[in-house]
Amino acid sequence: MEKSAFREKSISELVDENYVHGYVLYYLGVRFYEYSGQTLEQVCRERNLKLDQVIRELESPTLLQEAQLPLVDYPLDLIIQYLKHAHFLFIKHKLPYIGRLVESFKANHPDYIHLEKDLKLVFPLFVEDFIEHIYEEEDTLFSYIRLLERALKGKANPSRLYYELEKNSIHKLSVEHEAHDDEMEGIRRITNDYTLDRSAPLHIRVIFQELQEFEKSLITHARIENEILFPKAMALENRVKQLFFEKTRFN
């Protein structure tokens, strides 16, 4: 799209053409639903933003593309760092944005009154459970894997290693993790699998698109953990156990 096209289009038109524009504008300080009738040029002037810079951001937004990375070839420590960075983006960027969209949504139409109430009730609960799961994963699974990596290099305290090997199991953690793989089931239920027609208000269409894309990110994220992280961690755990018990047998 030419710069003049961005400049002259209304905010609602830009977001309607590509919902990602709403996300970019939000983190530039512009809530699209508050400036829907104004052109981008008018909003930039009002908000004291540099129009050319805003257009560049709209033309090439930086988005997380997990599926495109060759993570299967990465060592465990880099995979964990990558997953933690993804967690950070989920918790500090995507979820606050979607939460603000949900919080500010005003149905003003009988067809969407119940949906508004349901989303405002269920989404905060989903976020709370999701964040708790993420922090628990980092505190248990990731910490355990890091201990195993140190142990393989001979840098772990033997007493603590024995305790953790007795307490934890990558297989058990994997099974527990799979129980959280469909965390958005409740969201799908109240949105009827994100079903809307094109006559629905722009605001709710953006919410549904963001929720769908977030769920896609979670599916990809879970696949990386289930198909790459856990198999690598299981192999590491087996090597550490073998080395540990061989060493204790000869002492």
C-alpha atoms as a PDB file:
ATOM      1  CA  MET A   1       0.000   0.000   0.000  1.00  0.00           C
ATOM      2  CA  GLU A   2       1.379   3.421  -0.937  1.00  0.00           C
ATOM      3  CA  LYS A   3       2.077   5.891   1.831  1.00  0.00           C
ATOM      4  CA  SER A   4      -0.597   8.239   0.502  1.00  0.00           C
ATOM      5  CA  ALA A   5      -3.153   5.439   0.855  1.00  0.00           C
ATOM      6  CA  PHE A   6      -2.240   4.978   4.533  1.00  0.00           C
ATOM      7  CA  ARG A   7      -2.271   8.710   5.061  1.00  0.00           C
ATOM      8  CA  GLU A   8      -5.747   9.283   3.658  1.00  0.00           C
ATOM      9  CA  LYS A   9      -7.579   6.239   4.991  1.00  0.00           C
ATOM     10  CA  SER A  10      -9.609   6.402   8.171  1.00  0.00           C
ATOM     11  CA  ILE A  11      -8.397   4.393  11.167  1.00  0.00           C
ATOM     12  CA  SER A  12     -11.411   2.075  10.930  1.00  0.00           C
ATOM     13  CA  GLU A  13     -10.645   1.384   7.252  1.00  0.00           C
ATOM     14  CA  LEU A  14      -7.018   0.551   8.020  1.00  0.00           C
ATOM     15  CA  VAL A  15      -7.995  -1.840  10.807  1.00  0.00           C
ATOM     16  CA  ASP A  16     -10.800  -3.358   8.745  1.00  0.00           C
ATOM     17  CA  GLU A  17      -8.313  -4.140   5.955  1.00  0.00           C
ATOM     18  CA  ASN A  18      -5.827  -5.730   8.370  1.00  0.00           C
ATOM     19  CA  TYR A  19      -6.631  -6.316  12.043  1.00  0.00           C
ATOM     20  CA  VAL A  20      -2.872  -6.279  12.855  1.00  0.00           C
ATOM     21  CA  HIS A  21      -2.954  -2.525  12.210  1.00  0.00           C
ATOM     22  CA  GLY A  22      -5.064  -2.197  15.354  1.00  0.00           C
ATOM     23  CA  TYR A  23      -2.358  -3.932  17.402  1.00  0.00           C
ATOM     24  CA  VAL A  24       0.399  -1.741  15.944  1.00  0.00           C
ATOM     25  CA  LEU A  25      -1.573   1.452  16.563  1.00  0.00           C
ATOM     26  CA  TYR A  26      -2.365   0.385  20.133  1.00  0.00           C
ATOM     27  CA  TYR A  27       1.335   0.152  21.012  1.00  0.00           C
ATOM     28  CA  LEU A  28       1.911   3.523  19.386  1.00  0.00           C
ATOM     29  CA  GLY A  29      -0.655   4.991  21.775  1.00  0.00           C
ATOM     30  CA  VAL A  30      -3.661   5.023  19.417  1.00  0.00           C
ATOM     31  CA  ARG A  31      -6.739   2.983  20.314  1.00  0.00           C
ATOM     32  CA  PHE A  32      -8.412   2.467  16.971  1.00  0.00           C
ATOM     33  CA  TYR A  33     -11.934   2.404  18.412  1.00  0.00           C
ATOM     34  CA  GLU A  34     -11.462   5.919  19.803  1.00  0.00           C
ATOM     35  CA  TYR A  35     -10.313   7.409  16.475  1.00  0.00           C
ATOM     36  CA  SER A  36     -12.278   5.308  14.002  1.00  0.00           C
ATOM     37  CA  GLY A  37     -13.569   8.194  11.863  1.00  0.00           C
ATOM     38  CA  GLN A  38     -10.303  10.125  11.636  1.00  0.00           C
ATOM     39  CA  THR A  39      -7.620   9.622   9.017  1.00  0.00           C
ATOM     40  CA  LEU A  40      -4.194   8.384   9.986  1.00  0.00           C
ATOM     41  CA  GLU A  41      -2.739  11.770   9.139  1.00  0.00           C
ATOM     42  CA  GLN A  42      -5.225  13.546  11.415  1.00  0.00           C
ATOM     43  CA  VAL A  43      -4.531  11.164  14.285  1.00  0.00           C
ATOM     44  CA  CYS A  44      -0.757  11.509  13.943  1.00  0.00           C
ATOM     45  CA  ARG A  45      -1.098  15.271  14.012  1.00  0.00           C
ATOM     46  CA  GLU A  46      -3.355  15.127  17.069  1.00  0.00           C
ATOM     47  CA  ARG A  47      -1.152  12.618  18.921  1.00  0.00           C
ATOM     48  CA  ASN A  48       2.102  14.297  17.860  1.00  0.00           C
ATOM     49  CA  LEU A  49       3.325  11.152  16.090  1.00  0.00           C
ATOM     50  CA  LYS A  50       5.634  11.086  13.084  1.00  0.00           C
ATOM     51  CA  LEU A  51       3.439   9.988  10.196  1.00  0.00           C
ATOM     52  CA  ASP A  52       6.229   8.353   8.159  1.00  0.00           C
ATOM     53  CA  GLN A  53       7.400   6.339  11.157  1.00  0.00           C
ATOM     54  CA  VAL A  54       3.857   5.156  11.919  1.00  0.00           C
ATOM     55  CA  ILE A  55       3.387   4.123   8.289  1.00  0.00           C
ATOM     56  CA  ARG A  56       6.619   2.127   8.375  1.00  0.00           C
ATOM     57  CA  GLU A  57       5.381   0.293  11.466  1.00  0.00           C
ATOM     58  CA  LEU A  58       2.052  -0.440   9.779  1.00  0.00           C
ATOM     59  CA  GLU A  59       3.771  -1.696   6.635  1.00  0.00           C
ATOM     60  CA  SER A  60       6.061  -4.166   8.406  1.00  0.00           C
ATOM     61  CA  PRO A  61       4.891  -5.031  11.919  1.00  0.00           C
ATOM     62  CA  THR A  62       7.216  -7.233  13.979  1.00  0.00           C
ATOM     63  CA  LEU A  63       5.286 -10.378  14.821  1.00  0.00           C
ATOM     64  CA  LEU A  64       6.289 -13.638  16.459  1.00  0.00           C
ATOM     65  CA  GLN A  65       6.713 -16.337  13.787  1.00  0.00           C
ATOM     66  CA  GLU A  66       7.384 -19.500  15.777  1.00  0.00           C
ATOM     67  CA  ALA A  67       6.562 -21.930  12.981  1.00  0.00           C
ATOM     68  CA  GLN A  68       9.284 -20.529  10.719  1.00  0.00           C
ATOM     69  CA  LEU A  69      12.233 -21.144  13.064  1.00  0.00           C
ATOM     70  CA  PRO A  70      14.387 -24.343  12.834  1.00  0.00           C
ATOM     71  CA  LEU A  71      13.983 -24.977  16.558  1.00  0.00           C
ATOM     72  CA  VAL A  72      14.505 -28.721  16.214  1.00  0.00           C
ATOM     73  CA  ASP A  73      18.175 -27.968  15.558  1.00  0.00           C
ATOM     74  CA  TYR A  74      18.566 -25.676  18.569  1.00  0.00           C
ATOM     75  CA  PRO A  75      20.203 -26.837  21.834  1.00  0.00           C
ATOM     76  CA  LEU A  76      17.924 -27.067  24.858  1.00  0.00           C
ATOM     77  CA  ASP A  77      19.116 -23.864  26.498  1.00  0.00           C
ATOM     78  CA  LEU A  78      18.283 -21.818  23.381  1.00  0.00           C
ATOM     79  CA  ILE A  79      14.881 -23.474  23.033  1.00  0.00           C
ATOM     80  CA  ILE A  80      14.082 -22.553  26.634  1.00  0.00           C
ATOM     81  CA  GLN A  81      15.232 -18.979  26.071  1.00  0.00           C
ATOM     82  CA  TYR A  82      13.055 -18.801  22.988  1.00  0.00           C
ATOM     83  CA  LEU A  83      10.013 -20.167  24.815  1.00  0.00           C
ATOM     84  CA  LYS A  84      10.552 -17.744  27.708  1.00  0.00           C
ATOM     85  CA  HIS A  85      10.696 -14.871  25.240  1.00  0.00           C
ATOM     86  CA  ALA A  86       7.427 -16.080  23.721  1.00  0.00           C
ATOM     87  CA  HIS A  87       5.917 -16.206  27.219  1.00  0.00           C
ATOM     88  CA  PHE A  88       7.025 -12.614  27.745  1.00  0.00           C
ATOM     89  CA  LEU A  89       5.363 -11.495  24.498  1.00  0.00           C
ATOM     90  CA  PHE A  90       2.159 -13.322  25.408  1.00  0.00           C
ATOM     91  CA  ILE A  91       1.944 -11.916  28.929  1.00  0.00           C
ATOM     92  CA  LYS A  92       3.275  -8.390  28.420  1.00  0.00           C
ATOM     93  CA  HIS A  93       2.007  -7.603  24.927  1.00  0.00           C
ATOM     94  CA  LYS A  94      -0.694  -9.764  23.353  1.00  0.00           C
ATOM     95  CA  LEU A  95      -2.858 -10.512  26.380  1.00  0.00           C
ATOM     96  CA  PRO A  96      -2.905  -6.905  27.675  1.00  0.00           C
ATOM     97  CA  TYR A  97      -3.931  -5.732  24.194  1.00  0.00           C
ATOM     98  CA  ILE A  98      -6.742  -8.282  23.858  1.00  0.00           C
ATOM     99  CA  GLY A  99      -7.766  -7.584  27.454  1.00  0.00           C
ATOM    100  CA  ARG A 100      -8.068  -3.883  26.685  1.00  0.00           C
ATOM    101  CA  LEU A 101     -10.131  -4.669  23.578  1.00  0.00           C
ATOM    102  CA  VAL A 102     -12.494  -6.806  25.632  1.00  0.00           C
ATOM    103  CA  GLU A 103     -12.691  -4.308  28.494  1.00  0.00           C
ATOM    104  CA  SER A 104     -13.506  -1.389  26.174  1.00  0.00           C
ATOM    105  CA  PHE A 105     -16.038  -3.268  24.038  1.00  0.00           C
ATOM    106  CA  LYS A 106     -19.526  -1.757  24.217  1.00  0.00           C
ATOM    107  CA  ALA A 107     -22.104  -3.893  22.415  1.00  0.00           C
ATOM    108  CA  ASN A 108     -24.821  -1.250  22.024  1.00  0.00           C
ATOM    109  CA  HIS A 109     -26.847  -3.891  20.223  1.00  0.00           C
ATOM    110  CA  PRO A 110     -29.101  -6.674  21.588  1.00  0.00           C
ATOM    111  CA  ASP A 111     -27.338  -9.294  19.431  1.00  0.00           C
ATOM    112  CA  TYR A 112     -24.048  -8.733  21.283  1.00  0.00           C
ATOM    113  CA  ILE A 113     -25.096  -7.910  24.857  1.00  0.00           C
ATOM    114  CA  HIS A 114     -24.625 -11.482  26.109  1.00  0.00           C
ATOM    115  CA  LEU A 115     -21.363 -11.858  24.233  1.00  0.00           C
ATOM    116  CA  GLU A 116     -20.025  -8.671  25.824  1.00  0.00           C
ATOM    117  CA  LYS A 117     -20.934  -9.894  29.316  1.00  0.00           C
ATOM    118  CA  ASP A 118     -19.529 -13.380  28.721  1.00  0.00           C
ATOM    119  CA  LEU A 119     -16.226 -12.114  27.330  1.00  0.00           C
ATOM    120  CA  LYS A 120     -15.761  -9.627  30.163  1.00  0.00           C
ATOM    121  CA  LEU A 121     -16.356 -12.433  32.664  1.00  0.00           C
ATOM    122  CA  VAL A 122     -14.455 -15.314  31.061  1.00  0.00           C
ATOM    123  CA  PHE A 123     -11.446 -13.634  29.457  1.00  0.00           C
ATOM    124  CA  PRO A 124      -9.896 -12.264  32.703  1.00  0.00           C
ATOM    125  CA  LEU A 125     -10.268 -15.735  34.259  1.00  0.00           C
ATOM    126  CA  PHE A 126      -8.569 -17.290  31.249  1.00  0.00           C
ATOM    127  CA  VAL A 127      -5.688 -14.795  31.517  1.00  0.00           C
ATOM    128  CA  GLU A 128      -5.259 -15.502  35.230  1.00  0.00           C
ATOM    129  CA  ASP A 129      -5.117 -19.275  34.676  1.00  0.00           C
ATOM    130  CA  PHE A 130      -2.842 -18.905  31.656  1.00  0.00           C
ATOM    131  CA  ILE A 131      -0.299 -16.736  33.474  1.00  0.00           C
ATOM    132  CA  GLU A 132      -0.303 -19.080  36.476  1.00  0.00           C
ATOM    133  CA  HIS A 133       0.396 -22.014  34.135  1.00  0.00           C
ATOM    134  CA  ILE A 134       3.232 -20.148  32.394  1.00  0.00           C
ATOM    135  CA  TYR A 135       4.976 -19.213  35.641  1.00  0.00           C
ATOM    136  CA  GLU A 136       4.548 -22.735  37.010  1.00  0.00           C
ATOM    137  CA  GLU A 137       6.088 -24.153  33.834  1.00  0.00           C
ATOM    138  CA  GLU A 138       9.091 -21.850  34.100  1.00  0.00           C
ATOM    139  CA  ASP A 139       9.558 -22.548  37.824  1.00  0.00           C
ATOM    140  CA  THR A 140       9.289 -26.337  37.520  1.00  0.00           C
ATOM    141  CA  LEU A 141       9.961 -27.695  34.028  1.00  0.00           C
ATOM    142  CA  PHE A 142      12.479 -25.117  32.825  1.00  0.00           C
ATOM    143  CA  SER A 143      14.315 -25.075  36.174  1.00  0.00           C
ATOM    144  CA  TYR A 144      14.535 -28.874  36.204  1.00  0.00           C
ATOM    145  CA  ILE A 145      15.899 -28.998  32.643  1.00  0.00           C
ATOM    146  CA  ARG A 146      18.529 -26.401  33.515  1.00  0.00           C
ATOM    147  CA  LEU A 147      19.578 -28.510  36.508  1.00  0.00           C
ATOM    148  CA  LEU A 148      19.919 -31.540  34.229  1.00  0.00           C
ATOM    149  CA  GLU A 149      22.113 -29.529  31.862  1.00  0.00           C
ATOM    150  CA  ARG A 150      24.371 -28.479  34.734  1.00  0.00           C
ATOM    151  CA  ALA A 151      24.502 -32.065  35.967  1.00  0.00           C
ATOM    152  CA  LEU A 152      25.648 -33.311  32.560  1.00  0.00           C
ATOM    153  CA  LYS A 153      28.555 -30.878  32.822  1.00  0.00           C
ATOM    154  CA  GLY A 154      29.345 -32.023  36.371  1.00  0.00           C
ATOM    155  CA  LYS A 155      28.240 -28.717  37.882  1.00  0.00           C
ATOM    156  CA  ALA A 156      25.226 -29.833  39.943  1.00  0.00           C
ATOM    157  CA  ASN A 157      25.151 -30.555  43.657  1.00  0.00           C
ATOM    158  CA  PRO A 158      24.796 -34.382  43.933  1.00  0.00           C
ATOM    159  CA  SER A 159      22.375 -34.249  46.883  1.00  0.00           C
ATOM    160  CA  ARG A 160      20.095 -31.772  45.163  1.00  0.00           C
ATOM    161  CA  LEU A 161      20.333 -33.674  41.888  1.00  0.00           C
ATOM    162  CA  TYR A 162      19.296 -36.920  43.583  1.00  0.00           C
ATOM    163  CA  TYR A 163      16.359 -35.161  45.258  1.00  0.00           C
ATOM    164  CA  GLU A 164      15.179 -33.587  41.977  1.00  0.00           C
ATOM    165  CA  LEU A 165      15.555 -36.835  40.025  1.00  0.00           C
ATOM    166  CA  GLU A 166      13.404 -38.590  42.621  1.00  0.00           C
ATOM    167  CA  LYS A 167      10.807 -35.808  42.691  1.00  0.00           C
ATOM    168  CA  ASN A 168      10.555 -35.005  38.975  1.00  0.00           C
ATOM    169  CA  SER A 169      10.069 -36.837  35.738  1.00  0.00           C
ATOM    170  CA  ILE A 170      10.051 -35.298  32.258  1.00  0.00           C
ATOM    171  CA  HIS A 171       7.431 -37.855  31.240  1.00  0.00           C
ATOM    172  CA  LYS A 172       5.179 -36.859  34.138  1.00  0.00           C
ATOM    173  CA  LEU A 173       5.677 -33.161  33.402  1.00  0.00           C
ATOM    174  CA  SER A 174       4.857 -33.847  29.748  1.00  0.00           C
ATOM    175  CA  VAL A 175       1.566 -35.534  30.655  1.00  0.00           C
ATOM    176  CA  GLU A 176       0.642 -32.658  32.963  1.00  0.00           C
ATOM    177  CA  HIS A 177       1.517 -30.193  30.221  1.00  0.00           C
ATOM    178  CA  GLU A 178      -0.803 -31.881  27.725  1.00  0.00           C
ATOM    179  CA  ALA A 179      -3.696 -31.281  30.122  1.00  0.00           C
ATOM    180  CA  HIS A 180      -3.259 -27.536  29.481  1.00  0.00           C
ATOM    181  CA  ASP A 181      -3.024 -27.779  25.694  1.00  0.00           C
ATOM    182  CA  ASP A 182      -6.624 -26.695  25.067  1.00  0.00           C
ATOM    183  CA  GLU A 183      -6.755 -23.714  27.391  1.00  0.00           C
ATOM    184  CA  MET A 184      -9.024 -21.699  25.100  1.00  0.00           C
ATOM    185  CA  GLU A 185     -11.881 -24.199  24.987  1.00  0.00           C
ATOM    186  CA  GLY A 186     -14.068 -21.913  27.116  1.00  0.00           C
ATOM    187  CA  ILE A 187     -13.349 -18.913  24.869  1.00  0.00           C
ATOM    188  CA  ARG A 188     -14.308 -20.920  21.777  1.00  0.00           C
ATOM    189  CA  ARG A 189     -17.518 -22.004  23.437  1.00  0.00           C
ATOM    190  CA  ILE A 190     -18.787 -18.504  24.265  1.00  0.00           C
ATOM    191  CA  THR A 191     -17.739 -17.154  20.857  1.00  0.00           C
ATOM    192  CA  ASN A 192     -19.302 -20.075  18.978  1.00  0.00           C
ATOM    193  CA  ASP A 193     -15.881 -20.912  17.516  1.00  0.00           C
ATOM    194  CA  TYR A 194     -15.320 -17.247  16.646  1.00  0.00           C
ATOM    195  CA  THR A 195     -18.349 -17.143  14.350  1.00  0.00           C
ATOM    196  CA  LEU A 196     -19.373 -13.678  13.165  1.00  0.00           C
ATOM    197  CA  ASP A 197     -20.682 -12.240   9.927  1.00  0.00           C
ATOM    198  CA  ARG A 198     -19.195  -9.234   8.171  1.00  0.00           C
ATOM    199  CA  SER A 199     -21.993  -7.004   9.450  1.00  0.00           C
ATOM    200  CA  ALA A 200     -20.685  -7.377  13.020  1.00  0.00           C
ATOM    201  CA  PRO A 201     -19.102  -4.235  14.509  1.00  0.00           C
ATOM    202  CA  LEU A 202     -15.413  -3.733  13.717  1.00  0.00           C
ATOM    203  CA  HIS A 203     -14.488  -3.837  17.407  1.00  0.00           C
ATOM    204  CA  ILE A 204     -15.839  -7.337  18.000  1.00  0.00           C
ATOM    205  CA  ARG A 205     -14.407  -8.593  14.699  1.00  0.00           C
ATOM    206  CA  VAL A 206     -10.948  -7.442  15.785  1.00  0.00           C
ATOM    207  CA  ILE A 207     -11.401  -9.168  19.169  1.00  0.00           C
ATOM    208  CA  PHE A 208     -12.343 -12.431  17.455  1.00  0.00           C
ATOM    209  CA  GLN A 209      -9.427 -12.202  15.000  1.00  0.00           C
ATOM    210  CA  GLU A 210      -6.978 -11.520  17.825  1.00  0.00           C
ATOM    211  CA  LEU A 211      -8.347 -14.430  19.864  1.00  0.00           C
ATOM    212  CA  GLN A 212      -8.058 -16.760  16.875  1.00  0.00           C
ATOM    213  CA  GLU A 213      -4.490 -15.703  16.154  1.00  0.00           C
ATOM    214  CA  PHE A 214      -3.570 -16.042  19.818  1.00  0.00           C
ATOM    215  CA  GLU A 215      -4.966 -19.572  19.854  1.00  0.00           C
ATOM    216  CA  LYS A 216      -2.945 -20.395  16.723  1.00  0.00           C
ATOM    217  CA  SER A 217       0.177 -19.118  18.497  1.00  0.00           C
ATOM    218  CA  LEU A 218      -0.610 -21.303  21.506  1.00  0.00           C
ATOM    219  CA  ILE A 219      -1.070 -24.363  19.277  1.00  0.00           C
ATOM    220  CA  THR A 220       2.293 -23.735  17.614  1.00  0.00           C
ATOM    221  CA  HIS A 221       3.875 -23.055  21.009  1.00  0.00           C
ATOM    222  CA  ALA A 222       2.493 -26.309  22.428  1.00  0.00           C
ATOM    223  CA  ARG A 223       3.729 -28.216  19.366  1.00  0.00           C
ATOM    224  CA  ILE A 224       7.252 -26.869  19.899  1.00  0.00           C
ATOM    225  CA  GLU A 225       7.161 -27.986  23.524  1.00  0.00           C
ATOM    226  CA  ASN A 226       5.590 -31.390  22.852  1.00  0.00           C
ATOM    227  CA  GLU A 227       7.548 -32.317  19.721  1.00  0.00           C
ATOM    228  CA  ILE A 228      10.913 -30.642  20.388  1.00  0.00           C
ATOM    229  CA  LEU A 229      11.423 -29.583  24.012  1.00  0.00           C
ATOM    230  CA  PHE A 230      10.116 -32.689  25.776  1.00  0.00           C
ATOM    231  CA  PRO A 231      11.870 -35.303  23.575  1.00  0.00           C
ATOM    232  CA  LYS A 232      15.191 -33.469  23.958  1.00  0.00           C
ATOM    233  CA  ALA A 233      14.621 -33.111  27.712  1.00  0.00           C
ATOM    234  CA  MET A 234      13.759 -36.819  28.083  1.00  0.00           C
ATOM    235  CA  ALA A 235      16.967 -37.808  26.296  1.00  0.00           C
ATOM    236  CA  LEU A 236      18.926 -35.464  28.556  1.00  0.00           C
ATOM    237  CA  GLU A 237      17.262 -36.833  31.686  1.00  0.00           C
ATOM    238  CA  ASN A 238      18.087 -40.420  30.671  1.00  0.00           C
ATOM    239  CA  ARG A 239      21.751 -39.530  30.120  1.00  0.00           C
ATOM    240  CA  VAL A 240      21.980 -37.752  33.475  1.00  0.00           C
ATOM    241  CA  LYS A 241      20.337 -40.660  35.310  1.00  0.00           C
ATOM    242  CA  GLN A 242      22.680 -43.149  33.691  1.00  0.00           C
ATOM    243  CA  LEU A 243      25.769 -41.104  34.541  1.00  0.00           C
ATOM    244  CA  PHE A 244      24.558 -40.344  38.072  1.00  0.00           C
ATOM    245  CA  PHE A 245      23.786 -43.953  39.034  1.00  0.00           C
ATOM    246  CA  GLU A 246      26.963 -45.260  37.392  1.00  0.00           C
ATOM    247  CA  LYS A 247      28.949 -42.776  39.434  1.00  0.00           C
ATOM    248  CA  THR A 248      27.210 -43.643  42.704  1.00  0.00           C
ATOM    249  CA  ARG A 249      27.688 -47.363  42.065  1.00  0.00           C
ATOM    250  CA  PHE A 250      31.458 -46.946  41.820  1.00  0.00           C
ATOM    251  CA  ASN A 251      31.702 -44.662  44.916  1.00  0.00           C
END
